[in-house]
Amino acid sequence: MPPRTKFSKEEIVQAAVRITRKKGIDGLTARELGAELGVSSRPIFTWFDSMEQLKAAVYEVAKGSYKQYVEGGLVGPVPFLGVGMQYVRFAKEEPELYKLLFLSKPKGADGGAMAALAFSQDLVRDSLMRIYNMDGKTADKYFRDLWLVAFSFATLIVTNDCPYTDEEMSRMFTEISLSVCKAYKEVPGLAEGTFDRDAVFTELVRK
């Protein structure tokens, strides 16, 4: 019989996640993982054919962590705002996992920034339709616009270039949310992309 593997697949993945949290996905190497586990790199390849396959497994763990943050935002009084702030919180508390999910997806991983947008959109669509009296198409576009704001804040955070406090970001979320909601409600054809841009801007700048 072959010798029993010292570490389970789950233990190896969790060790890989710890390294990724400290050093980023590029810092996850067979040598680093062996050092983390206190062994040679041999047990790693008992469970994984390559480091890319292991990185894909770490990516799935990161997706699960992100999902927990998003679900935490849904319990607030304004679910879509809660999701946006939880997205920013995820970037602040898990910067390397954020980079992995949204800025540096490994080869063969299923997902990415646009997949995260679609996932979050599906979670908040019903509450947006109910709270803001929107149809599904308008709710999706409204959330898309606010999610892009959250993406901007989060990217500033993980690149250590964010000058805003949580309170300031929350206030900007509210201001932009109000502006976008008002636009979708009051500009005919905006959600469908059929509005008269020149006429709308001409009227707006006269005020």
N, C-alpha and C. Protein backbone atom coordinates (compact mmCIF):
# COMPACT_ATOMS: atom_id res chain seq x y z
N MET A 1 0.84 -1.20 0.00
CA MET A 1 0.00 0.00 0.00
C MET A 1 0.88 1.25 0.00
N PRO A 2 0.43 2.31 -0.70
CA PRO A 2 1.19 3.56 -0.67
C PRO A 2 1.10 4.19 0.71
N PRO A 3 2.07 4.99 1.09
CA PRO A 3 2.02 5.64 2.39
C PRO A 3 0.84 6.59 2.51
N ARG A 4 0.29 6.70 3.68
CA ARG A 4 -0.85 7.58 3.92
C ARG A 4 -0.42 9.04 3.80
N THR A 5 -1.21 9.83 3.09
CA THR A 5 -0.90 11.24 2.94
C THR A 5 -1.05 11.94 4.28
N LYS A 6 -0.08 12.75 4.65
CA LYS A 6 -0.09 13.39 5.95
C LYS A 6 -1.16 14.47 6.05
N PHE A 7 -1.40 15.20 4.96
CA PHE A 7 -2.36 16.29 4.99
C PHE A 7 -3.52 16.01 4.05
N SER A 8 -4.72 16.38 4.50
CA SER A 8 -5.89 16.23 3.65
C SER A 8 -5.90 17.33 2.59
N LYS A 9 -6.74 17.14 1.60
CA LYS A 9 -6.89 18.15 0.56
C LYS A 9 -7.35 19.48 1.15
N GLU A 10 -8.29 19.42 2.08
CA GLU A 10 -8.81 20.63 2.71
C GLU A 10 -7.73 21.35 3.50
N GLU A 11 -6.89 20.62 4.20
CA GLU A 11 -5.80 21.23 4.96
C GLU A 11 -4.81 21.95 4.04
N ILE A 12 -4.54 21.34 2.90
CA ILE A 12 -3.63 21.97 1.94
C ILE A 12 -4.24 23.25 1.37
N VAL A 13 -5.53 23.20 1.05
CA VAL A 13 -6.20 24.39 0.52
C VAL A 13 -6.21 25.50 1.56
N GLN A 14 -6.51 25.16 2.81
CA GLN A 14 -6.55 26.19 3.85
C GLN A 14 -5.16 26.80 4.08
N ALA A 15 -4.12 25.98 3.99
CA ALA A 15 -2.76 26.51 4.11
C ALA A 15 -2.47 27.45 2.94
N ALA A 16 -2.93 27.08 1.75
CA ALA A 16 -2.74 27.92 0.57
C ALA A 16 -3.49 29.24 0.72
N VAL A 17 -4.67 29.20 1.32
CA VAL A 17 -5.44 30.43 1.56
C VAL A 17 -4.70 31.33 2.54
N ARG A 18 -4.12 30.76 3.58
CA ARG A 18 -3.37 31.57 4.55
C ARG A 18 -2.20 32.28 3.87
N ILE A 19 -1.50 31.57 3.01
CA ILE A 19 -0.38 32.19 2.29
C ILE A 19 -0.89 33.30 1.38
N THR A 20 -1.99 33.04 0.69
CA THR A 20 -2.55 34.04 -0.22
C THR A 20 -2.96 35.29 0.53
N ARG A 21 -3.54 35.12 1.71
CA ARG A 21 -3.94 36.28 2.52
C ARG A 21 -2.73 37.12 2.92
N LYS A 22 -1.59 36.47 3.14
CA LYS A 22 -0.39 37.18 3.58
C LYS A 22 0.43 37.72 2.42
N LYS A 23 0.53 36.94 1.34
CA LYS A 23 1.49 37.26 0.29
C LYS A 23 0.88 37.43 -1.09
N GLY A 24 -0.44 37.27 -1.18
CA GLY A 24 -1.08 37.36 -2.49
C GLY A 24 -0.96 36.06 -3.25
N ILE A 25 -1.73 35.94 -4.32
CA ILE A 25 -1.76 34.69 -5.06
C ILE A 25 -0.42 34.42 -5.74
N ASP A 26 0.33 35.46 -6.11
CA ASP A 26 1.64 35.24 -6.73
C ASP A 26 2.66 34.71 -5.73
N GLY A 27 2.38 34.92 -4.44
CA GLY A 27 3.28 34.40 -3.41
C GLY A 27 3.02 32.95 -3.04
N LEU A 28 1.96 32.40 -3.63
CA LEU A 28 1.62 31.00 -3.36
C LEU A 28 2.44 30.10 -4.29
N THR A 29 3.48 29.51 -3.76
CA THR A 29 4.33 28.59 -4.51
C THR A 29 4.40 27.26 -3.77
N ALA A 30 4.88 26.24 -4.44
CA ALA A 30 5.03 24.93 -3.80
C ALA A 30 5.98 25.02 -2.62
N ARG A 31 7.03 25.81 -2.76
CA ARG A 31 8.01 25.96 -1.67
C ARG A 31 7.37 26.65 -0.47
N GLU A 32 6.61 27.74 -0.72
CA GLU A 32 5.94 28.45 0.37
C GLU A 32 4.93 27.56 1.07
N LEU A 33 4.22 26.79 0.30
CA LEU A 33 3.21 25.91 0.88
C LEU A 33 3.87 24.81 1.71
N GLY A 34 4.96 24.27 1.20
CA GLY A 34 5.67 23.26 1.97
C GLY A 34 6.17 23.82 3.29
N ALA A 35 6.67 25.06 3.25
CA ALA A 35 7.16 25.70 4.47
C ALA A 35 6.00 25.94 5.45
N GLU A 36 4.84 26.34 4.92
CA GLU A 36 3.67 26.57 5.77
C GLU A 36 3.23 25.29 6.46
N LEU A 37 3.34 24.17 5.76
CA LEU A 37 2.92 22.89 6.31
C LEU A 37 4.04 22.16 7.05
N GLY A 38 5.27 22.66 6.88
CA GLY A 38 6.40 22.02 7.54
C GLY A 38 6.84 20.73 6.88
N VAL A 39 6.60 20.63 5.57
CA VAL A 39 6.97 19.42 4.82
C VAL A 39 7.56 19.83 3.47
N SER A 40 7.92 18.86 2.67
CA SER A 40 8.33 19.14 1.29
C SER A 40 7.06 19.43 0.48
N SER A 41 7.25 19.76 -0.77
CA SER A 41 6.10 20.06 -1.62
C SER A 41 5.38 18.80 -2.11
N ARG A 42 5.92 17.62 -1.81
CA ARG A 42 5.36 16.37 -2.34
C ARG A 42 3.88 16.14 -2.01
N PRO A 43 3.43 16.35 -0.74
CA PRO A 43 2.01 16.10 -0.44
C PRO A 43 1.04 16.93 -1.26
N ILE A 44 1.48 18.10 -1.70
CA ILE A 44 0.62 18.99 -2.48
C ILE A 44 0.17 18.28 -3.75
N PHE A 45 1.11 17.62 -4.40
CA PHE A 45 0.82 17.03 -5.70
C PHE A 45 0.20 15.64 -5.58
N THR A 46 -0.07 15.23 -4.35
CA THR A 46 -0.89 14.04 -4.15
C THR A 46 -2.35 14.37 -4.50
N TRP A 47 -2.73 15.64 -4.21
CA TRP A 47 -4.11 16.07 -4.40
C TRP A 47 -4.31 16.95 -5.63
N PHE A 48 -3.26 17.65 -6.05
CA PHE A 48 -3.39 18.60 -7.16
C PHE A 48 -2.36 18.31 -8.24
N ASP A 49 -2.79 18.39 -9.47
CA ASP A 49 -1.89 18.12 -10.59
C ASP A 49 -0.90 19.25 -10.83
N SER A 50 -1.28 20.46 -10.42
CA SER A 50 -0.43 21.62 -10.66
C SER A 50 -0.74 22.70 -9.64
N MET A 51 0.13 23.70 -9.56
CA MET A 51 -0.14 24.84 -8.69
C MET A 51 -1.32 25.65 -9.20
N GLU A 52 -1.53 25.69 -10.50
CA GLU A 52 -2.68 26.41 -11.04
C GLU A 52 -3.98 25.79 -10.57
N GLN A 53 -4.00 24.47 -10.47
CA GLN A 53 -5.20 23.80 -9.97
C GLN A 53 -5.43 24.14 -8.51
N LEU A 54 -4.37 24.22 -7.73
CA LEU A 54 -4.50 24.62 -6.33
C LEU A 54 -4.98 26.06 -6.21
N LYS A 55 -4.43 26.93 -7.06
CA LYS A 55 -4.85 28.34 -7.03
C LYS A 55 -6.33 28.47 -7.39
N ALA A 56 -6.80 27.63 -8.29
CA ALA A 56 -8.23 27.64 -8.62
C ALA A 56 -9.06 27.24 -7.40
N ALA A 57 -8.55 26.31 -6.59
CA ALA A 57 -9.25 25.91 -5.36
C ALA A 57 -9.27 27.06 -4.36
N VAL A 58 -8.17 27.79 -4.25
CA VAL A 58 -8.12 28.97 -3.37
C VAL A 58 -9.13 30.00 -3.86
N TYR A 59 -9.23 30.15 -5.15
CA TYR A 59 -10.18 31.09 -5.75
C TYR A 59 -11.61 30.75 -5.32
N GLU A 60 -11.94 29.47 -5.29
CA GLU A 60 -13.28 29.06 -4.88
C GLU A 60 -13.54 29.39 -3.41
N VAL A 61 -12.51 29.26 -2.57
CA VAL A 61 -12.65 29.64 -1.16
C VAL A 61 -12.89 31.15 -1.05
N ALA A 62 -12.16 31.92 -1.85
CA ALA A 62 -12.34 33.37 -1.84
C ALA A 62 -13.75 33.75 -2.28
N LYS A 63 -14.29 33.05 -3.26
CA LYS A 63 -15.66 33.30 -3.70
C LYS A 63 -16.65 33.04 -2.58
N GLY A 64 -16.42 31.96 -1.83
CA GLY A 64 -17.30 31.65 -0.71
C GLY A 64 -17.25 32.71 0.36
N SER A 65 -16.06 33.24 0.62
CA SER A 65 -15.91 34.30 1.61
C SER A 65 -16.64 35.56 1.15
N TYR A 66 -16.48 35.90 -0.12
CA TYR A 66 -17.18 37.08 -0.67
C TYR A 66 -18.69 36.91 -0.55
N LYS A 67 -19.18 35.72 -0.84
CA LYS A 67 -20.62 35.46 -0.76
C LYS A 67 -21.14 35.72 0.65
N GLN A 68 -20.36 35.33 1.67
CA GLN A 68 -20.78 35.56 3.05
C GLN A 68 -20.89 37.06 3.35
N TYR A 69 -19.95 37.84 2.84
CA TYR A 69 -20.02 39.28 3.03
C TYR A 69 -21.27 39.86 2.37
N VAL A 70 -21.52 39.46 1.13
CA VAL A 70 -22.69 39.96 0.41
C VAL A 70 -23.97 39.60 1.13
N GLU A 71 -24.07 38.37 1.58
CA GLU A 71 -25.28 37.94 2.29
C GLU A 71 -25.46 38.72 3.58
N GLY A 72 -24.34 39.12 4.21
CA GLY A 72 -24.43 39.95 5.40
C GLY A 72 -25.03 41.30 5.10
N GLY A 73 -24.76 41.83 3.92
CA GLY A 73 -25.32 43.13 3.53
C GLY A 73 -26.80 43.08 3.24
N LEU A 74 -27.30 41.91 2.88
CA LEU A 74 -28.71 41.80 2.51
C LEU A 74 -29.67 41.92 3.69
N VAL A 75 -29.17 41.77 4.91
CA VAL A 75 -30.05 41.80 6.07
C VAL A 75 -30.32 43.22 6.55
N GLY A 76 -29.66 44.21 5.97
CA GLY A 76 -29.85 45.60 6.39
C GLY A 76 -31.18 46.15 5.88
N PRO A 77 -31.56 47.34 6.36
CA PRO A 77 -32.83 47.94 5.95
C PRO A 77 -32.86 48.32 4.48
N VAL A 78 -31.69 48.65 3.90
CA VAL A 78 -31.59 48.95 2.47
C VAL A 78 -30.60 47.95 1.87
N PRO A 79 -31.07 46.80 1.41
CA PRO A 79 -30.19 45.71 1.03
C PRO A 79 -29.11 46.07 0.01
N PHE A 80 -29.47 46.84 -1.01
CA PHE A 80 -28.45 47.10 -2.03
C PHE A 80 -27.34 47.97 -1.48
N LEU A 81 -27.67 48.92 -0.59
CA LEU A 81 -26.64 49.73 0.04
C LEU A 81 -25.79 48.86 0.96
N GLY A 82 -26.44 47.94 1.67
CA GLY A 82 -25.70 47.02 2.53
C GLY A 82 -24.73 46.16 1.74
N VAL A 83 -25.16 45.70 0.57
CA VAL A 83 -24.28 44.89 -0.27
C VAL A 83 -23.08 45.72 -0.74
N GLY A 84 -23.34 46.97 -1.14
CA GLY A 84 -22.26 47.83 -1.58
C GLY A 84 -21.22 48.07 -0.49
N MET A 85 -21.69 48.35 0.72
CA MET A 85 -20.76 48.60 1.82
C MET A 85 -20.04 47.32 2.23
N GLN A 86 -20.71 46.17 2.14
CA GLN A 86 -20.04 44.90 2.45
C GLN A 86 -18.98 44.58 1.40
N TYR A 87 -19.24 44.96 0.18
CA TYR A 87 -18.25 44.77 -0.89
C TYR A 87 -16.98 45.56 -0.54
N VAL A 88 -17.18 46.81 -0.11
CA VAL A 88 -16.04 47.64 0.29
C VAL A 88 -15.36 47.06 1.53
N ARG A 89 -16.15 46.56 2.45
CA ARG A 89 -15.59 45.96 3.66
C ARG A 89 -14.75 44.73 3.33
N PHE A 90 -15.22 43.93 2.38
CA PHE A 90 -14.46 42.75 1.95
C PHE A 90 -13.09 43.17 1.42
N ALA A 91 -13.07 44.24 0.63
CA ALA A 91 -11.80 44.73 0.10
C ALA A 91 -10.87 45.19 1.22
N LYS A 92 -11.45 45.81 2.23
CA LYS A 92 -10.65 46.33 3.34
C LYS A 92 -10.11 45.21 4.23
N GLU A 93 -10.95 44.21 4.51
CA GLU A 93 -10.57 43.15 5.43
C GLU A 93 -9.85 41.98 4.76
N GLU A 94 -10.10 41.80 3.47
CA GLU A 94 -9.48 40.69 2.73
C GLU A 94 -8.88 41.21 1.43
N PRO A 95 -7.91 42.12 1.51
CA PRO A 95 -7.40 42.76 0.29
C PRO A 95 -6.82 41.78 -0.73
N GLU A 96 -6.10 40.76 -0.26
CA GLU A 96 -5.50 39.84 -1.22
C GLU A 96 -6.54 38.93 -1.86
N LEU A 97 -7.56 38.56 -1.09
CA LEU A 97 -8.63 37.76 -1.69
C LEU A 97 -9.44 38.60 -2.67
N TYR A 98 -9.60 39.87 -2.35
CA TYR A 98 -10.28 40.78 -3.28
C TYR A 98 -9.50 40.86 -4.60
N LYS A 99 -8.19 41.06 -4.51
CA LYS A 99 -7.37 41.13 -5.72
C LYS A 99 -7.49 39.84 -6.53
N LEU A 100 -7.50 38.72 -5.82
CA LEU A 100 -7.62 37.43 -6.50
C LEU A 100 -8.93 37.33 -7.25
N LEU A 101 -10.03 37.74 -6.62
CA LEU A 101 -11.34 37.60 -7.24
C LEU A 101 -11.57 38.59 -8.37
N PHE A 102 -11.12 39.82 -8.17
CA PHE A 102 -11.55 40.89 -9.07
C PHE A 102 -10.45 41.53 -9.90
N LEU A 103 -9.20 41.26 -9.58
CA LEU A 103 -8.12 41.92 -10.31
C LEU A 103 -7.12 40.95 -10.92
N SER A 104 -7.08 39.70 -10.47
CA SER A 104 -6.03 38.79 -10.96
C SER A 104 -6.50 37.34 -10.96
N LYS A 105 -7.62 37.07 -11.59
CA LYS A 105 -8.19 35.72 -11.61
C LYS A 105 -7.19 34.72 -12.20
N PRO A 106 -6.95 33.58 -11.52
CA PRO A 106 -6.00 32.58 -12.06
C PRO A 106 -6.57 31.86 -13.27
N LYS A 107 -5.69 31.25 -14.05
CA LYS A 107 -6.11 30.51 -15.24
C LYS A 107 -7.04 29.37 -14.85
N GLY A 108 -8.10 29.23 -15.62
CA GLY A 108 -9.02 28.12 -15.39
C GLY A 108 -10.08 28.38 -14.33
N ALA A 109 -9.97 29.52 -13.61
CA ALA A 109 -10.97 29.83 -12.58
C ALA A 109 -12.24 30.36 -13.23
N ASP A 110 -13.36 30.02 -12.64
CA ASP A 110 -14.65 30.42 -13.17
C ASP A 110 -15.18 31.59 -12.34
N GLY A 111 -15.33 32.75 -12.97
CA GLY A 111 -15.84 33.91 -12.25
C GLY A 111 -15.20 35.19 -12.72
N GLY A 112 -14.96 36.10 -11.80
CA GLY A 112 -14.39 37.39 -12.15
C GLY A 112 -15.31 38.52 -11.73
N ALA A 113 -14.92 39.76 -12.02
CA ALA A 113 -15.67 40.92 -11.58
C ALA A 113 -17.09 40.94 -12.14
N MET A 114 -17.25 40.64 -13.42
CA MET A 114 -18.58 40.69 -14.03
C MET A 114 -19.47 39.57 -13.50
N ALA A 115 -18.88 38.42 -13.21
CA ALA A 115 -19.66 37.33 -12.61
C ALA A 115 -20.12 37.73 -11.21
N ALA A 116 -19.26 38.44 -10.48
CA ALA A 116 -19.64 38.91 -9.13
C ALA A 116 -20.77 39.93 -9.22
N LEU A 117 -20.72 40.79 -10.23
CA LEU A 117 -21.80 41.75 -10.42
C LEU A 117 -23.12 41.02 -10.66
N ALA A 118 -23.11 40.03 -11.55
CA ALA A 118 -24.34 39.28 -11.86
C ALA A 118 -24.85 38.55 -10.63
N PHE A 119 -23.94 37.95 -9.86
CA PHE A 119 -24.32 37.24 -8.64
C PHE A 119 -25.00 38.19 -7.65
N SER A 120 -24.38 39.35 -7.42
CA SER A 120 -24.93 40.32 -6.47
C SER A 120 -26.24 40.90 -6.98
N GLN A 121 -26.31 41.14 -8.28
CA GLN A 121 -27.51 41.67 -8.90
C GLN A 121 -28.70 40.75 -8.65
N ASP A 122 -28.48 39.46 -8.81
CA ASP A 122 -29.55 38.49 -8.61
C ASP A 122 -30.06 38.52 -7.16
N LEU A 123 -29.15 38.76 -6.23
CA LEU A 123 -29.53 38.76 -4.81
C LEU A 123 -30.36 39.97 -4.43
N VAL A 124 -30.12 41.12 -5.05
CA VAL A 124 -30.78 42.35 -4.60
C VAL A 124 -31.91 42.81 -5.51
N ARG A 125 -32.09 42.15 -6.65
CA ARG A 125 -33.07 42.62 -7.64
C ARG A 125 -34.46 42.78 -7.04
N ASP A 126 -34.95 41.75 -6.34
CA ASP A 126 -36.32 41.80 -5.81
C ASP A 126 -36.49 42.93 -4.81
N SER A 127 -35.49 43.14 -3.95
CA SER A 127 -35.63 44.21 -2.96
C SER A 127 -35.59 45.58 -3.62
N LEU A 128 -34.79 45.74 -4.66
CA LEU A 128 -34.76 47.01 -5.38
C LEU A 128 -36.10 47.28 -6.06
N MET A 129 -36.66 46.27 -6.67
CA MET A 129 -37.96 46.43 -7.34
C MET A 129 -39.04 46.82 -6.34
N ARG A 130 -38.97 46.22 -5.15
CA ARG A 130 -39.98 46.49 -4.13
C ARG A 130 -39.79 47.86 -3.48
N ILE A 131 -38.57 48.16 -3.06
CA ILE A 131 -38.31 49.39 -2.30
C ILE A 131 -38.38 50.63 -3.20
N TYR A 132 -37.87 50.51 -4.41
CA TYR A 132 -37.78 51.69 -5.28
C TYR A 132 -38.80 51.68 -6.42
N ASN A 133 -39.71 50.71 -6.37
CA ASN A 133 -40.78 50.67 -7.36
C ASN A 133 -40.22 50.69 -8.78
N MET A 134 -39.32 49.75 -9.07
CA MET A 134 -38.69 49.65 -10.38
C MET A 134 -39.03 48.31 -11.02
N ASP A 135 -38.98 48.27 -12.34
CA ASP A 135 -39.07 46.97 -12.99
C ASP A 135 -37.69 46.31 -12.94
N GLY A 136 -37.63 45.04 -13.31
CA GLY A 136 -36.37 44.30 -13.18
C GLY A 136 -35.25 44.87 -14.00
N LYS A 137 -35.54 45.33 -15.22
CA LYS A 137 -34.51 45.87 -16.10
C LYS A 137 -33.90 47.14 -15.51
N THR A 138 -34.76 48.01 -15.00
CA THR A 138 -34.26 49.25 -14.40
C THR A 138 -33.49 48.96 -13.12
N ALA A 139 -33.99 48.02 -12.32
CA ALA A 139 -33.30 47.66 -11.08
C ALA A 139 -31.90 47.13 -11.36
N ASP A 140 -31.76 46.32 -12.41
CA ASP A 140 -30.45 45.78 -12.75
C ASP A 140 -29.48 46.88 -13.18
N LYS A 141 -29.96 47.82 -13.97
CA LYS A 141 -29.08 48.91 -14.41
C LYS A 141 -28.73 49.84 -13.26
N TYR A 142 -29.69 50.07 -12.40
CA TYR A 142 -29.45 50.91 -11.21
C TYR A 142 -28.38 50.27 -10.33
N PHE A 143 -28.52 48.97 -10.07
CA PHE A 143 -27.53 48.30 -9.24
C PHE A 143 -26.17 48.26 -9.92
N ARG A 144 -26.15 48.03 -11.23
CA ARG A 144 -24.90 48.03 -11.98
C ARG A 144 -24.14 49.34 -11.76
N ASP A 145 -24.85 50.46 -11.85
CA ASP A 145 -24.20 51.77 -11.70
C ASP A 145 -23.61 51.92 -10.30
N LEU A 146 -24.36 51.50 -9.28
CA LEU A 146 -23.87 51.62 -7.91
C LEU A 146 -22.75 50.62 -7.63
N TRP A 147 -22.83 49.43 -8.24
CA TRP A 147 -21.78 48.44 -8.04
C TRP A 147 -20.46 48.93 -8.62
N LEU A 148 -20.51 49.65 -9.72
CA LEU A 148 -19.28 50.19 -10.30
C LEU A 148 -18.65 51.23 -9.38
N VAL A 149 -19.49 51.96 -8.65
CA VAL A 149 -18.96 52.89 -7.65
C VAL A 149 -18.26 52.10 -6.54
N ALA A 150 -18.90 51.04 -6.07
CA ALA A 150 -18.30 50.19 -5.04
C ALA A 150 -16.98 49.59 -5.53
N PHE A 151 -16.95 49.16 -6.78
CA PHE A 151 -15.74 48.59 -7.36
C PHE A 151 -14.61 49.62 -7.35
N SER A 152 -14.95 50.87 -7.64
CA SER A 152 -13.94 51.93 -7.63
C SER A 152 -13.38 52.15 -6.23
N PHE A 153 -14.26 52.23 -5.24
CA PHE A 153 -13.81 52.40 -3.86
C PHE A 153 -12.92 51.24 -3.43
N ALA A 154 -13.38 50.02 -3.72
CA ALA A 154 -12.65 48.83 -3.28
C ALA A 154 -11.27 48.75 -3.93
N THR A 155 -11.19 49.12 -5.20
CA THR A 155 -9.90 49.09 -5.88
C THR A 155 -8.95 50.13 -5.31
N LEU A 156 -9.47 51.30 -4.95
CA LEU A 156 -8.64 52.29 -4.26
C LEU A 156 -8.12 51.74 -2.94
N ILE A 157 -8.97 51.00 -2.24
CA ILE A 157 -8.58 50.45 -0.94
C ILE A 157 -7.46 49.43 -1.09
N VAL A 158 -7.60 48.48 -2.00
CA VAL A 158 -6.61 47.40 -2.10
C VAL A 158 -5.31 47.87 -2.75
N THR A 159 -5.34 49.03 -3.40
CA THR A 159 -4.10 49.59 -3.94
C THR A 159 -3.52 50.65 -2.99
N ASN A 160 -4.08 50.70 -1.77
CA ASN A 160 -3.61 51.63 -0.73
C ASN A 160 -3.64 53.09 -1.18
N ASP A 161 -4.71 53.45 -1.88
CA ASP A 161 -4.81 54.81 -2.41
C ASP A 161 -6.19 55.41 -2.16
N CYS A 162 -6.87 54.94 -1.10
CA CYS A 162 -8.22 55.44 -0.82
C CYS A 162 -8.17 56.50 0.27
N PRO A 163 -8.53 57.75 -0.04
CA PRO A 163 -8.48 58.82 0.95
C PRO A 163 -9.76 58.97 1.77
N TYR A 164 -10.77 58.10 1.52
CA TYR A 164 -12.08 58.30 2.11
C TYR A 164 -12.32 57.39 3.32
N THR A 165 -13.02 57.92 4.31
CA THR A 165 -13.44 57.13 5.46
C THR A 165 -14.69 56.33 5.10
N ASP A 166 -15.04 55.37 5.95
CA ASP A 166 -16.28 54.61 5.72
C ASP A 166 -17.48 55.54 5.67
N GLU A 167 -17.49 56.54 6.55
CA GLU A 167 -18.61 57.48 6.58
C GLU A 167 -18.70 58.27 5.28
N GLU A 168 -17.55 58.69 4.77
CA GLU A 168 -17.55 59.44 3.51
C GLU A 168 -18.00 58.57 2.34
N MET A 169 -17.54 57.33 2.32
CA MET A 169 -17.97 56.44 1.24
C MET A 169 -19.46 56.15 1.31
N SER A 170 -19.97 55.96 2.53
CA SER A 170 -21.40 55.71 2.70
C SER A 170 -22.21 56.91 2.22
N ARG A 171 -21.72 58.11 2.55
CA ARG A 171 -22.42 59.32 2.13
C ARG A 171 -22.41 59.45 0.60
N MET A 172 -21.28 59.15 -0.01
CA MET A 172 -21.20 59.23 -1.48
C MET A 172 -22.09 58.18 -2.13
N PHE A 173 -22.15 56.99 -1.53
CA PHE A 173 -23.07 55.97 -2.03
C PHE A 173 -24.49 56.52 -2.05
N THR A 174 -24.88 57.16 -0.95
CA THR A 174 -26.23 57.69 -0.84
C THR A 174 -26.47 58.79 -1.86
N GLU A 175 -25.51 59.69 -2.01
CA GLU A 175 -25.65 60.80 -2.96
C GLU A 175 -25.77 60.29 -4.39
N ILE A 176 -24.90 59.36 -4.75
CA ILE A 176 -24.93 58.82 -6.11
C ILE A 176 -26.19 57.99 -6.33
N SER A 177 -26.57 57.23 -5.31
CA SER A 177 -27.79 56.44 -5.39
C SER A 177 -29.00 57.32 -5.67
N LEU A 178 -29.10 58.43 -4.93
CA LEU A 178 -30.21 59.36 -5.11
C LEU A 178 -30.21 59.93 -6.53
N SER A 179 -29.02 60.33 -6.99
CA SER A 179 -28.92 60.93 -8.32
C SER A 179 -29.31 59.95 -9.41
N VAL A 180 -28.81 58.73 -9.31
CA VAL A 180 -29.09 57.73 -10.34
C VAL A 180 -30.55 57.32 -10.30
N CYS A 181 -31.09 57.14 -9.09
CA CYS A 181 -32.50 56.77 -8.95
C CYS A 181 -33.40 57.85 -9.56
N LYS A 182 -33.10 59.09 -9.26
CA LYS A 182 -33.88 60.21 -9.79
C LYS A 182 -33.80 60.24 -11.32
N ALA A 183 -32.62 59.99 -11.86
CA ALA A 183 -32.45 60.00 -13.31
C ALA A 183 -33.29 58.90 -13.97
N TYR A 184 -33.22 57.68 -13.41
CA TYR A 184 -33.99 56.60 -14.01
C TYR A 184 -35.49 56.83 -13.88
N LYS A 185 -35.89 57.51 -12.82
CA LYS A 185 -37.32 57.78 -12.61
C LYS A 185 -37.83 58.90 -13.51
N GLU A 186 -36.98 59.90 -13.79
CA GLU A 186 -37.47 61.13 -14.40
C GLU A 186 -37.04 61.36 -15.84
N VAL A 187 -36.08 60.61 -16.32
CA VAL A 187 -35.65 60.78 -17.72
C VAL A 187 -36.27 59.67 -18.56
N PRO A 188 -37.24 60.00 -19.39
CA PRO A 188 -37.90 58.98 -20.21
C PRO A 188 -36.90 58.26 -21.12
N GLY A 189 -36.96 56.93 -21.11
CA GLY A 189 -36.13 56.15 -21.99
C GLY A 189 -34.70 55.93 -21.51
N LEU A 190 -34.33 56.41 -20.31
CA LEU A 190 -32.96 56.26 -19.85
C LEU A 190 -32.59 54.79 -19.64
N ALA A 191 -33.45 54.05 -18.97
CA ALA A 191 -33.16 52.64 -18.70
C ALA A 191 -33.08 51.83 -19.99
N GLU A 192 -33.87 52.24 -21.01
CA GLU A 192 -33.88 51.50 -22.27
C GLU A 192 -32.78 51.97 -23.22
N GLY A 193 -32.15 53.09 -22.89
CA GLY A 193 -31.12 53.64 -23.77
C GLY A 193 -31.67 54.40 -24.96
N THR A 194 -32.93 54.82 -24.87
CA THR A 194 -33.57 55.51 -26.00
C THR A 194 -33.81 56.99 -25.72
N PHE A 195 -33.28 57.50 -24.63
CA PHE A 195 -33.53 58.90 -24.27
C PHE A 195 -32.81 59.84 -25.24
N ASP A 196 -33.34 61.06 -25.33
CA ASP A 196 -32.75 62.10 -26.19
C ASP A 196 -31.66 62.81 -25.39
N ARG A 197 -30.43 62.37 -25.56
CA ARG A 197 -29.32 62.89 -24.76
C ARG A 197 -29.17 64.40 -24.90
N ASP A 198 -29.20 64.90 -26.13
CA ASP A 198 -28.98 66.33 -26.34
C ASP A 198 -30.09 67.16 -25.70
N ALA A 199 -31.33 66.71 -25.84
CA ALA A 199 -32.45 67.45 -25.26
C ALA A 199 -32.38 67.44 -23.73
N VAL A 200 -32.02 66.29 -23.15
CA VAL A 200 -31.95 66.20 -21.69
C VAL A 200 -30.86 67.10 -21.15
N PHE A 201 -29.68 67.07 -21.76
CA PHE A 201 -28.58 67.90 -21.28
C PHE A 201 -28.84 69.38 -21.50
N THR A 202 -29.48 69.72 -22.62
CA THR A 202 -29.80 71.12 -22.89
C THR A 202 -30.73 71.67 -21.82
N GLU A 203 -31.74 70.88 -21.47
CA GLU A 203 -32.69 71.32 -20.43
C GLU A 203 -32.01 71.39 -19.07
N LEU A 204 -31.13 70.43 -18.79
CA LEU A 204 -30.48 70.35 -17.48
C LEU A 204 -29.55 71.53 -17.24
N VAL A 205 -28.74 71.90 -18.23
CA VAL A 205 -27.76 72.97 -18.02
C VAL A 205 -28.40 74.34 -17.97
N ARG A 206 -29.65 74.44 -18.38
CA ARG A 206 -30.35 75.73 -18.28
C ARG A 206 -30.81 76.02 -16.85
N LYS A 207 -30.87 74.99 -16.02
CA LYS A 207 -31.41 75.17 -14.66
C LYS A 207 -30.38 75.81 -13.74
